[in-house]
Amino acid sequence: MEKGIDQDLLAKFKAVAQGPEADLLRELLNVLYYRQRKYDREPLSEEDWAAIRKGKEAIKRGEFVTLEELEKDLGL
């Protein structure tokens, strides 16, 4: 028997997807989606989530290096 889409969940997803946390929702969805692969079935720990939050905060503060900058620094 095929499950239908939970309308309440879908409504919440759409609301968040249209708000300021849309990028975070997209990343979380990608983590959950790709976790289904046989090579990554271990759930994320609280330490993992803390590292993700810390990284997102650093990006918001502009603390990152672009791929082009890294390649230039490495002489590639």
C-alpha atoms as a PDB file:
ATOM      1  CA  MET A   1       0.000   0.000   0.000  1.00  0.00           C
ATOM      2  CA  GLU A   2       1.385   3.400  -1.000  1.00  0.00           C
ATOM      3  CA  LYS A   3       1.543   6.097   1.642  1.00  0.00           C
ATOM      4  CA  GLY A   4       0.111   9.501   0.872  1.00  0.00           C
ATOM      5  CA  ILE A   5       1.918  12.731   1.599  1.00  0.00           C
ATOM      6  CA  ASP A   6       1.268  14.081   5.090  1.00  0.00           C
ATOM      7  CA  GLN A   7      -0.410  17.410   4.279  1.00  0.00           C
ATOM      8  CA  ASP A   8       0.533  19.008   7.606  1.00  0.00           C
ATOM      9  CA  LEU A   9       4.177  18.093   7.095  1.00  0.00           C
ATOM     10  CA  LEU A  10       4.068  19.337   3.510  1.00  0.00           C
ATOM     11  CA  ALA A  11       2.545  22.668   4.615  1.00  0.00           C
ATOM     12  CA  LYS A  12       5.272  23.115   7.237  1.00  0.00           C
ATOM     13  CA  PHE A  13       7.958  22.214   4.725  1.00  0.00           C
ATOM     14  CA  LYS A  14       6.638  24.788   2.257  1.00  0.00           C
ATOM     15  CA  ALA A  15       6.474  27.481   4.939  1.00  0.00           C
ATOM     16  CA  VAL A  16      10.075  26.925   6.022  1.00  0.00           C
ATOM     17  CA  ALA A  17      11.237  26.574   2.402  1.00  0.00           C
ATOM     18  CA  GLN A  18       9.957  30.088   1.712  1.00  0.00           C
ATOM     19  CA  GLY A  19      11.519  31.650   4.798  1.00  0.00           C
ATOM     20  CA  PRO A  20      14.983  32.731   5.920  1.00  0.00           C
ATOM     21  CA  GLU A  21      15.978  29.168   6.869  1.00  0.00           C
ATOM     22  CA  ALA A  22      15.337  27.746   3.385  1.00  0.00           C
ATOM     23  CA  ASP A  23      19.029  26.999   2.788  1.00  0.00           C
ATOM     24  CA  LEU A  24      19.323  25.149   6.090  1.00  0.00           C
ATOM     25  CA  LEU A  25      16.207  23.131   5.283  1.00  0.00           C
ATOM     26  CA  ARG A  26      17.660  22.245   1.868  1.00  0.00           C
ATOM     27  CA  GLU A  27      20.919  21.087   3.453  1.00  0.00           C
ATOM     28  CA  LEU A  28      19.107  19.049   6.079  1.00  0.00           C
ATOM     29  CA  LEU A  29      16.927  17.443   3.437  1.00  0.00           C
ATOM     30  CA  ASN A  30      20.021  16.565   1.410  1.00  0.00           C
ATOM     31  CA  VAL A  31      21.640  14.993   4.472  1.00  0.00           C
ATOM     32  CA  LEU A  32      18.560  12.894   5.159  1.00  0.00           C
ATOM     33  CA  TYR A  33      18.079  11.969   1.504  1.00  0.00           C
ATOM     34  CA  TYR A  34      21.652  10.877   0.857  1.00  0.00           C
ATOM     35  CA  ARG A  35      21.846   9.105   4.206  1.00  0.00           C
ATOM     36  CA  GLN A  36      19.654   6.480   2.627  1.00  0.00           C
ATOM     37  CA  ARG A  37      22.638   5.274   0.620  1.00  0.00           C
ATOM     38  CA  LYS A  38      24.207   2.104   1.948  1.00  0.00           C
ATOM     39  CA  TYR A  39      27.506   3.799   2.792  1.00  0.00           C
ATOM     40  CA  ASP A  40      26.095   6.379   5.202  1.00  0.00           C
ATOM     41  CA  ARG A  41      23.525   4.963   7.556  1.00  0.00           C
ATOM     42  CA  GLU A  42      24.971   6.357  10.786  1.00  0.00           C
ATOM     43  CA  PRO A  43      22.812   9.139  12.247  1.00  0.00           C
ATOM     44  CA  LEU A  44      24.350  12.533  12.848  1.00  0.00           C
ATOM     45  CA  SER A  45      25.488  13.044  16.425  1.00  0.00           C
ATOM     46  CA  GLU A  46      24.891  16.188  18.453  1.00  0.00           C
ATOM     47  CA  GLU A  47      28.569  16.999  17.832  1.00  0.00           C
ATOM     48  CA  ASP A  48      27.932  16.752  14.074  1.00  0.00           C
ATOM     49  CA  TRP A  49      24.952  19.101  14.345  1.00  0.00           C
ATOM     50  CA  ALA A  50      26.983  21.530  16.469  1.00  0.00           C
ATOM     51  CA  ALA A  51      29.743  21.560  13.840  1.00  0.00           C
ATOM     52  CA  ILE A  52      27.186  22.200  11.099  1.00  0.00           C
ATOM     53  CA  ARG A  53      25.678  25.102  13.054  1.00  0.00           C
ATOM     54  CA  LYS A  54      29.133  26.522  13.764  1.00  0.00           C
ATOM     55  CA  GLY A  55      30.028  26.351  10.080  1.00  0.00           C
ATOM     56  CA  LYS A  56      26.790  28.030   9.025  1.00  0.00           C
ATOM     57  CA  GLU A  57      27.415  30.840  11.509  1.00  0.00           C
ATOM     58  CA  ALA A  58      30.957  31.327  10.184  1.00  0.00           C
ATOM     59  CA  ILE A  59      29.642  31.529   6.623  1.00  0.00           C
ATOM     60  CA  LYS A  60      27.096  34.151   7.681  1.00  0.00           C
ATOM     61  CA  ARG A  61      29.948  36.194   9.178  1.00  0.00           C
ATOM     62  CA  GLY A  62      31.806  35.944   5.870  1.00  0.00           C
ATOM     63  CA  GLU A  63      34.458  33.601   7.241  1.00  0.00           C
ATOM     64  CA  PHE A  64      35.041  31.381   4.244  1.00  0.00           C
ATOM     65  CA  VAL A  65      37.320  30.956   1.252  1.00  0.00           C
ATOM     66  CA  THR A  66      35.959  30.566  -2.258  1.00  0.00           C
ATOM     67  CA  LEU A  67      37.145  27.734  -4.464  1.00  0.00           C
ATOM     68  CA  GLU A  68      38.841  30.289  -6.727  1.00  0.00           C
ATOM     69  CA  GLU A  69      40.707  31.809  -3.763  1.00  0.00           C
ATOM     70  CA  LEU A  70      41.830  28.370  -2.569  1.00  0.00           C
ATOM     71  CA  GLU A  71      43.038  27.373  -6.020  1.00  0.00           C
ATOM     72  CA  LYS A  72      44.980  30.641  -6.291  1.00  0.00           C
ATOM     73  CA  ASP A  73      46.559  30.122  -2.862  1.00  0.00           C
ATOM     74  CA  LEU A  74      47.533  26.570  -3.829  1.00  0.00           C
ATOM     75  CA  GLY A  75      48.892  27.700  -7.184  1.00  0.00           C
ATOM     76  CA  LEU A  76      46.434  25.629  -9.164  1.00  0.00           C
END
